[in-house]
Amino acid sequence: MFICKNKYLANSYILEENSDSYKTIKYSSEGFHKDRGSKFYGYAYPVKSEDELKIKIDVLKKEHHTARHYCYAYRFKENYSVYRVNDDGEPTNAAGKPILGQIDAKHLTNIALVVVRYFGGTKLGVGGMMSAYKEAALDTLNKAEIIECTINDIFKVNFGYPEMNTVMRFIKDLSADIVKQKLEESCTIYFAIRQKNAKKAIDKFSGLKNIIINQVDELD
């Protein structure tokens, strides 16, 4: 898995391998910037898909029905691999790119940021617009709560009831979290563990009699 190291370059990240965490925002946030009469309202959302973003933009268009532009950028996926910018009628790269630049400057993913512009009567020029959209995005993100999330792998352990104490002790030793369990004569436990510690889990359980461990993509 990957995490942003520190730079936005040619619409892609310089990525550092072997990380099992990423940064995003916990809640939505709002910001504002004004330049020569034009008003720029920023809205950041912790979303993971274009469908979620579309719903947010539809709401903004109703709230700001007299605005001229609804520009946005997003970056999705835990490896920061999916992104898009939209200038919504502004000159190419004058809006979406500086918005994405602020998302990337804070190393965020699973986030979309929309800037709504009301034209104030004075043309800002391409450079002025880029600066204004950048400042609106920056103010919006400065008001957001940024959190770091871990990327976890899920394991399924099948065992007999007599092995219960051993399995529970191993899970505790690994600092893993039980996410589902069925404790009967034949037991099943699903636990989540940070991706970087997945090999430790496999090594710890391997070779034990009457205990079977498998990595799974989802819960049964």
C-alpha atoms as a PDB file:
ATOM      1  CA  MET A   1       0.000   0.000   0.000  1.00  0.00           C
ATOM      2  CA  PHE A   2       1.103   3.587  -0.530  1.00  0.00           C
ATOM      3  CA  ILE A   3       1.001   6.941   1.204  1.00  0.00           C
ATOM      4  CA  CYS A   4       1.764  10.430  -0.058  1.00  0.00           C
ATOM      5  CA  LYS A   5       5.284  11.469   0.773  1.00  0.00           C
ATOM      6  CA  ASN A   6       5.149  15.219   0.313  1.00  0.00           C
ATOM      7  CA  LYS A   7       4.734  16.486  -3.241  1.00  0.00           C
ATOM      8  CA  TYR A   8       2.162  17.019  -5.930  1.00  0.00           C
ATOM      9  CA  LEU A   9       3.836  16.670  -9.312  1.00  0.00           C
ATOM     10  CA  ALA A  10       2.286  16.476 -12.791  1.00  0.00           C
ATOM     11  CA  ASN A  11      -1.091  15.391 -11.383  1.00  0.00           C
ATOM     12  CA  SER A  12       0.378  12.448  -9.477  1.00  0.00           C
ATOM     13  CA  TYR A  13       1.965  11.780  -6.134  1.00  0.00           C
ATOM     14  CA  ILE A  14       5.476  10.824  -5.263  1.00  0.00           C
ATOM     15  CA  LEU A  15       4.523   7.773  -3.240  1.00  0.00           C
ATOM     16  CA  GLU A  16       6.277   5.898  -0.513  1.00  0.00           C
ATOM     17  CA  GLU A  17       5.793   2.160  -0.430  1.00  0.00           C
ATOM     18  CA  ASN A  18       5.092  -0.067   2.572  1.00  0.00           C
ATOM     19  CA  SER A  19       2.855   2.318   4.447  1.00  0.00           C
ATOM     20  CA  ASP A  20      -0.459   1.171   5.856  1.00  0.00           C
ATOM     21  CA  SER A  21      -2.022   4.516   6.703  1.00  0.00           C
ATOM     22  CA  TYR A  22      -3.533   7.517   4.959  1.00  0.00           C
ATOM     23  CA  LYS A  23      -4.943  10.925   5.869  1.00  0.00           C
ATOM     24  CA  THR A  24      -8.446  12.236   5.311  1.00  0.00           C
ATOM     25  CA  ILE A  25     -10.913  14.602   6.987  1.00  0.00           C
ATOM     26  CA  LYS A  26     -13.278  13.476   9.717  1.00  0.00           C
ATOM     27  CA  TYR A  27     -16.171  15.841   8.995  1.00  0.00           C
ATOM     28  CA  SER A  28     -17.248  18.305   6.334  1.00  0.00           C
ATOM     29  CA  SER A  29     -15.817  21.812   6.597  1.00  0.00           C
ATOM     30  CA  GLU A  30     -16.462  25.222   5.055  1.00  0.00           C
ATOM     31  CA  GLY A  31     -14.242  28.143   4.085  1.00  0.00           C
ATOM     32  CA  PHE A  32     -14.443  31.523   2.387  1.00  0.00           C
ATOM     33  CA  HIS A  33     -12.334  33.923   0.352  1.00  0.00           C
ATOM     34  CA  LYS A  34     -13.142  37.274  -1.266  1.00  0.00           C
ATOM     35  CA  ASP A  35     -11.224  39.031  -4.034  1.00  0.00           C
ATOM     36  CA  ARG A  36     -12.307  42.287  -5.698  1.00  0.00           C
ATOM     37  CA  GLY A  37     -15.971  41.635  -5.172  1.00  0.00           C
ATOM     38  CA  SER A  38     -15.968  37.961  -6.173  1.00  0.00           C
ATOM     39  CA  LYS A  39     -16.899  35.595  -3.368  1.00  0.00           C
ATOM     40  CA  PHE A  40     -15.561  32.048  -3.122  1.00  0.00           C
ATOM     41  CA  TYR A  41     -17.292  29.590  -0.778  1.00  0.00           C
ATOM     42  CA  GLY A  42     -15.387  26.371  -0.083  1.00  0.00           C
ATOM     43  CA  TYR A  43     -16.870  23.033   0.986  1.00  0.00           C
ATOM     44  CA  ALA A  44     -14.814  19.938   1.811  1.00  0.00           C
ATOM     45  CA  TYR A  45     -16.447  16.515   2.158  1.00  0.00           C
ATOM     46  CA  PRO A  46     -15.134  13.131   3.375  1.00  0.00           C
ATOM     47  CA  VAL A  47     -16.453  11.113   0.424  1.00  0.00           C
ATOM     48  CA  LYS A  48     -15.160   8.145  -1.557  1.00  0.00           C
ATOM     49  CA  SER A  49     -16.979   8.294  -4.894  1.00  0.00           C
ATOM     50  CA  GLU A  50     -18.246  10.604  -7.609  1.00  0.00           C
ATOM     51  CA  ASP A  51     -21.806   9.545  -6.817  1.00  0.00           C
ATOM     52  CA  GLU A  52     -21.452  10.860  -3.266  1.00  0.00           C
ATOM     53  CA  LEU A  53     -19.926  14.078  -4.568  1.00  0.00           C
ATOM     54  CA  LYS A  54     -22.728  14.599  -7.098  1.00  0.00           C
ATOM     55  CA  ILE A  55     -25.274  14.566  -4.283  1.00  0.00           C
ATOM     56  CA  LYS A  56     -23.281  17.241  -2.428  1.00  0.00           C
ATOM     57  CA  ILE A  57     -22.996  19.428  -5.535  1.00  0.00           C
ATOM     58  CA  ASP A  58     -26.733  19.152  -6.232  1.00  0.00           C
ATOM     59  CA  VAL A  59     -27.395  20.468  -2.725  1.00  0.00           C
ATOM     60  CA  LEU A  60     -24.918  23.324  -3.212  1.00  0.00           C
ATOM     61  CA  LYS A  61     -26.563  24.327  -6.494  1.00  0.00           C
ATOM     62  CA  LYS A  62     -29.867  24.679  -4.673  1.00  0.00           C
ATOM     63  CA  GLU A  63     -28.295  26.671  -1.826  1.00  0.00           C
ATOM     64  CA  HIS A  64     -26.264  28.869  -4.194  1.00  0.00           C
ATOM     65  CA  HIS A  65     -28.649  28.991  -7.144  1.00  0.00           C
ATOM     66  CA  THR A  66     -27.356  32.398  -8.359  1.00  0.00           C
ATOM     67  CA  ALA A  67     -23.658  31.429  -8.306  1.00  0.00           C
ATOM     68  CA  ARG A  68     -21.696  31.345 -11.569  1.00  0.00           C
ATOM     69  CA  HIS A  69     -19.340  28.403 -11.037  1.00  0.00           C
ATOM     70  CA  TYR A  70     -19.167  25.201  -8.959  1.00  0.00           C
ATOM     71  CA  CYS A  71     -15.562  24.074  -9.362  1.00  0.00           C
ATOM     72  CA  TYR A  72     -14.136  21.053  -7.613  1.00  0.00           C
ATOM     73  CA  ALA A  73     -11.369  18.529  -7.198  1.00  0.00           C
ATOM     74  CA  TYR A  74     -11.213  15.172  -5.507  1.00  0.00           C
ATOM     75  CA  ARG A  75      -8.758  12.441  -4.622  1.00  0.00           C
ATOM     76  CA  PHE A  76      -9.956   8.932  -3.732  1.00  0.00           C
ATOM     77  CA  LYS A  77      -8.553   5.532  -2.677  1.00  0.00           C
ATOM     78  CA  GLU A  78      -6.200   4.671   0.156  1.00  0.00           C
ATOM     79  CA  ASN A  79      -3.268   4.667  -2.284  1.00  0.00           C
ATOM     80  CA  TYR A  80      -4.221   8.174  -3.496  1.00  0.00           C
ATOM     81  CA  SER A  81      -4.551   6.879  -7.067  1.00  0.00           C
ATOM     82  CA  VAL A  82      -7.894   8.356  -8.227  1.00  0.00           C
ATOM     83  CA  TYR A  83      -8.305  12.081  -8.807  1.00  0.00           C
ATOM     84  CA  ARG A  84     -10.170  14.569 -10.970  1.00  0.00           C
ATOM     85  CA  VAL A  85     -10.418  18.337 -11.388  1.00  0.00           C
ATOM     86  CA  ASN A  86     -13.313  20.333 -12.839  1.00  0.00           C
ATOM     87  CA  ASP A  87     -13.121  24.016 -13.793  1.00  0.00           C
ATOM     88  CA  ASP A  88     -16.870  24.350 -14.526  1.00  0.00           C
ATOM     89  CA  GLY A  89     -16.483  27.049 -17.148  1.00  0.00           C
ATOM     90  CA  GLU A  90     -13.493  28.840 -15.684  1.00  0.00           C
ATOM     91  CA  PRO A  91     -10.297  28.928 -17.801  1.00  0.00           C
ATOM     92  CA  THR A  92      -8.521  25.576 -18.012  1.00  0.00           C
ATOM     93  CA  ASN A  93      -6.596  24.756 -14.808  1.00  0.00           C
ATOM     94  CA  ALA A  94      -7.619  28.042 -13.177  1.00  0.00           C
ATOM     95  CA  ALA A  95      -9.875  26.426 -10.564  1.00  0.00           C
ATOM     96  CA  GLY A  96      -9.763  22.644 -10.225  1.00  0.00           C
ATOM     97  CA  LYS A  97      -5.975  22.322 -10.308  1.00  0.00           C
ATOM     98  CA  PRO A  98      -5.271  24.814  -7.470  1.00  0.00           C
ATOM     99  CA  ILE A  99      -8.035  23.164  -5.423  1.00  0.00           C
ATOM    100  CA  LEU A 100      -6.415  19.751  -5.910  1.00  0.00           C
ATOM    101  CA  GLY A 101      -3.060  21.285  -5.106  1.00  0.00           C
ATOM    102  CA  GLN A 102      -4.280  22.186  -1.620  1.00  0.00           C
ATOM    103  CA  ILE A 103      -5.720  18.704  -1.085  1.00  0.00           C
ATOM    104  CA  ASP A 104      -2.370  17.233  -2.055  1.00  0.00           C
ATOM    105  CA  ALA A 105      -0.369  19.726  -0.004  1.00  0.00           C
ATOM    106  CA  LYS A 106      -2.052  18.297   3.096  1.00  0.00           C
ATOM    107  CA  HIS A 107      -1.610  14.693   1.865  1.00  0.00           C
ATOM    108  CA  LEU A 108      -5.340  13.920   1.899  1.00  0.00           C
ATOM    109  CA  THR A 109      -7.424  11.283   0.155  1.00  0.00           C
ATOM    110  CA  ASN A 110     -11.060  10.164   0.186  1.00  0.00           C
ATOM    111  CA  ILE A 111     -11.990  13.827   0.008  1.00  0.00           C
ATOM    112  CA  ALA A 112     -13.723  16.186  -2.408  1.00  0.00           C
ATOM    113  CA  LEU A 113     -13.533  19.970  -2.252  1.00  0.00           C
ATOM    114  CA  VAL A 114     -15.984  22.257  -4.049  1.00  0.00           C
ATOM    115  CA  VAL A 115     -15.548  26.014  -4.417  1.00  0.00           C
ATOM    116  CA  VAL A 116     -18.640  28.013  -5.363  1.00  0.00           C
ATOM    117  CA  ARG A 117     -17.943  31.372  -7.010  1.00  0.00           C
ATOM    118  CA  TYR A 118     -20.097  34.467  -7.188  1.00  0.00           C
ATOM    119  CA  PHE A 119     -18.755  36.889  -9.793  1.00  0.00           C
ATOM    120  CA  GLY A 120     -18.212  40.347  -8.322  1.00  0.00           C
ATOM    121  CA  GLY A 121     -18.060  42.369 -11.524  1.00  0.00           C
ATOM    122  CA  THR A 122     -14.278  42.635 -11.839  1.00  0.00           C
ATOM    123  CA  LYS A 123     -12.289  40.137 -13.892  1.00  0.00           C
ATOM    124  CA  LEU A 124      -9.465  38.578 -11.896  1.00  0.00           C
ATOM    125  CA  GLY A 125      -7.410  37.177 -14.762  1.00  0.00           C
ATOM    126  CA  VAL A 126      -6.190  33.598 -14.823  1.00  0.00           C
ATOM    127  CA  GLY A 127      -3.506  34.209 -12.207  1.00  0.00           C
ATOM    128  CA  GLY A 128      -5.956  35.988  -9.925  1.00  0.00           C
ATOM    129  CA  MET A 129      -8.499  33.194 -10.240  1.00  0.00           C
ATOM    130  CA  MET A 130      -5.912  30.513  -9.502  1.00  0.00           C
ATOM    131  CA  SER A 131      -4.882  32.401  -6.378  1.00  0.00           C
ATOM    132  CA  ALA A 132      -8.480  32.933  -5.264  1.00  0.00           C
ATOM    133  CA  TYR A 133      -9.483  29.293  -5.686  1.00  0.00           C
ATOM    134  CA  LYS A 134      -6.304  28.231  -3.909  1.00  0.00           C
ATOM    135  CA  GLU A 135      -7.020  30.525  -0.948  1.00  0.00           C
ATOM    136  CA  ALA A 136     -10.642  29.376  -0.690  1.00  0.00           C
ATOM    137  CA  ALA A 137      -9.556  25.734  -0.707  1.00  0.00           C
ATOM    138  CA  LEU A 138      -6.814  26.417   1.836  1.00  0.00           C
ATOM    139  CA  ASP A 139      -9.195  28.200   4.212  1.00  0.00           C
ATOM    140  CA  THR A 140     -11.648  25.307   3.904  1.00  0.00           C
ATOM    141  CA  LEU A 141      -9.019  22.678   4.723  1.00  0.00           C
ATOM    142  CA  ASN A 142      -7.542  24.725   7.560  1.00  0.00           C
ATOM    143  CA  LYS A 143     -10.941  24.474   9.250  1.00  0.00           C
ATOM    144  CA  ALA A 144     -11.193  20.712   8.764  1.00  0.00           C
ATOM    145  CA  GLU A 145     -10.242  18.035  11.288  1.00  0.00           C
ATOM    146  CA  ILE A 146      -7.601  15.858   9.649  1.00  0.00           C
ATOM    147  CA  ILE A 147      -7.307  12.270  10.826  1.00  0.00           C
ATOM    148  CA  GLU A 148      -4.937   9.415  10.034  1.00  0.00           C
ATOM    149  CA  CYS A 149      -6.522   6.049   9.243  1.00  0.00           C
ATOM    150  CA  THR A 150      -4.860   2.669   9.161  1.00  0.00           C
ATOM    151  CA  ILE A 151      -5.276   0.138   6.376  1.00  0.00           C
ATOM    152  CA  ASN A 152      -6.205  -3.217   7.890  1.00  0.00           C
ATOM    153  CA  ASP A 153      -6.209  -6.796   6.671  1.00  0.00           C
ATOM    154  CA  ILE A 154      -8.925  -9.214   7.791  1.00  0.00           C
ATOM    155  CA  PHE A 155      -8.175 -12.772   8.909  1.00  0.00           C
ATOM    156  CA  LYS A 156     -10.516 -15.668   9.588  1.00  0.00           C
ATOM    157  CA  VAL A 157      -9.526 -18.220  12.233  1.00  0.00           C
ATOM    158  CA  ASN A 158     -11.287 -21.583  12.544  1.00  0.00           C
ATOM    159  CA  PHE A 159     -10.600 -23.678  15.632  1.00  0.00           C
ATOM    160  CA  GLY A 160     -12.088 -26.012  18.184  1.00  0.00           C
ATOM    161  CA  TYR A 161     -13.351 -24.735  21.510  1.00  0.00           C
ATOM    162  CA  PRO A 162     -10.370 -26.208  23.464  1.00  0.00           C
ATOM    163  CA  GLU A 163      -8.053 -23.859  21.493  1.00  0.00           C
ATOM    164  CA  MET A 164     -10.030 -20.773  22.555  1.00  0.00           C
ATOM    165  CA  ASN A 165      -7.513 -19.475  25.107  1.00  0.00           C
ATOM    166  CA  THR A 166      -4.599 -19.843  22.694  1.00  0.00           C
ATOM    167  CA  VAL A 167      -6.403 -17.980  19.898  1.00  0.00           C
ATOM    168  CA  MET A 168      -7.533 -15.160  22.196  1.00  0.00           C
ATOM    169  CA  ARG A 169      -4.028 -14.770  23.626  1.00  0.00           C
ATOM    170  CA  PHE A 170      -2.505 -14.591  20.151  1.00  0.00           C
ATOM    171  CA  ILE A 171      -5.019 -11.975  19.000  1.00  0.00           C
ATOM    172  CA  LYS A 172      -4.245  -9.885  22.072  1.00  0.00           C
ATOM    173  CA  ASP A 173      -0.494 -10.241  21.514  1.00  0.00           C
ATOM    174  CA  LEU A 174      -0.931  -8.984  17.939  1.00  0.00           C
ATOM    175  CA  SER A 175      -2.959  -5.950  19.102  1.00  0.00           C
ATOM    176  CA  ALA A 176      -5.636  -7.026  16.619  1.00  0.00           C
ATOM    177  CA  ASP A 177      -9.345  -6.217  16.831  1.00  0.00           C
ATOM    178  CA  ILE A 178     -12.041  -8.883  16.737  1.00  0.00           C
ATOM    179  CA  VAL A 179     -14.702  -7.840  14.214  1.00  0.00           C
ATOM    180  CA  LYS A 180     -16.912 -10.941  14.238  1.00  0.00           C
ATOM    181  CA  GLN A 181     -17.035 -14.203  16.117  1.00  0.00           C
ATOM    182  CA  LYS A 182     -19.002 -17.426  16.473  1.00  0.00           C
ATOM    183  CA  LEU A 183     -18.079 -19.322  19.608  1.00  0.00           C
ATOM    184  CA  GLU A 184     -19.535 -22.816  19.635  1.00  0.00           C
ATOM    185  CA  GLU A 185     -18.058 -26.309  19.581  1.00  0.00           C
ATOM    186  CA  SER A 186     -16.497 -25.287  16.260  1.00  0.00           C
ATOM    187  CA  CYS A 187     -15.437 -21.643  16.530  1.00  0.00           C
ATOM    188  CA  THR A 188     -14.764 -18.879  14.019  1.00  0.00           C
ATOM    189  CA  ILE A 189     -13.220 -15.491  14.714  1.00  0.00           C
ATOM    190  CA  TYR A 190     -12.538 -12.671  12.276  1.00  0.00           C
ATOM    191  CA  PHE A 191      -9.962 -10.134  13.338  1.00  0.00           C
ATOM    192  CA  ALA A 192      -8.525  -6.981  11.776  1.00  0.00           C
ATOM    193  CA  ILE A 193      -4.850  -6.115  11.984  1.00  0.00           C
ATOM    194  CA  ARG A 194      -2.728  -3.334  10.515  1.00  0.00           C
ATOM    195  CA  GLN A 195      -1.474  -4.332   7.119  1.00  0.00           C
ATOM    196  CA  LYS A 196       2.177  -4.007   8.108  1.00  0.00           C
ATOM    197  CA  ASN A 197       1.596  -6.613  10.846  1.00  0.00           C
ATOM    198  CA  ALA A 198      -0.242  -9.132   8.650  1.00  0.00           C
ATOM    199  CA  LYS A 199       2.786 -11.393   8.197  1.00  0.00           C
ATOM    200  CA  LYS A 200       3.218 -11.544  11.989  1.00  0.00           C
ATOM    201  CA  ALA A 201      -0.321 -12.883  12.273  1.00  0.00           C
ATOM    202  CA  ILE A 202       0.291 -15.579   9.686  1.00  0.00           C
ATOM    203  CA  ASP A 203       3.584 -16.587  11.282  1.00  0.00           C
ATOM    204  CA  LYS A 204       2.086 -16.706  14.773  1.00  0.00           C
ATOM    205  CA  PHE A 205      -0.772 -19.030  13.851  1.00  0.00           C
ATOM    206  CA  SER A 206       1.024 -21.166  11.266  1.00  0.00           C
ATOM    207  CA  GLY A 207       1.849 -24.723  12.232  1.00  0.00           C
ATOM    208  CA  LEU A 208      -0.607 -24.911  15.119  1.00  0.00           C
ATOM    209  CA  LYS A 209      -2.763 -28.022  15.301  1.00  0.00           C
ATOM    210  CA  ASN A 210      -6.539 -27.613  15.059  1.00  0.00           C
ATOM    211  CA  ILE A 211      -6.221 -23.905  14.182  1.00  0.00           C
ATOM    212  CA  ILE A 212      -6.663 -22.710  10.593  1.00  0.00           C
ATOM    213  CA  ILE A 213      -6.061 -19.096   9.573  1.00  0.00           C
ATOM    214  CA  ASN A 214      -6.876 -17.492   6.222  1.00  0.00           C
ATOM    215  CA  GLN A 215      -6.824 -13.936   4.972  1.00  0.00           C
ATOM    216  CA  VAL A 216     -10.212 -12.829   3.579  1.00  0.00           C
ATOM    217  CA  ASP A 217     -11.477  -9.870   1.591  1.00  0.00           C
ATOM    218  CA  GLU A 218     -14.784  -9.600   3.449  1.00  0.00           C
ATOM    219  CA  LEU A 219     -16.811 -11.174   6.233  1.00  0.00           C
ATOM    220  CA  ASP A 220     -18.932 -14.241   5.460  1.00  0.00           C
END
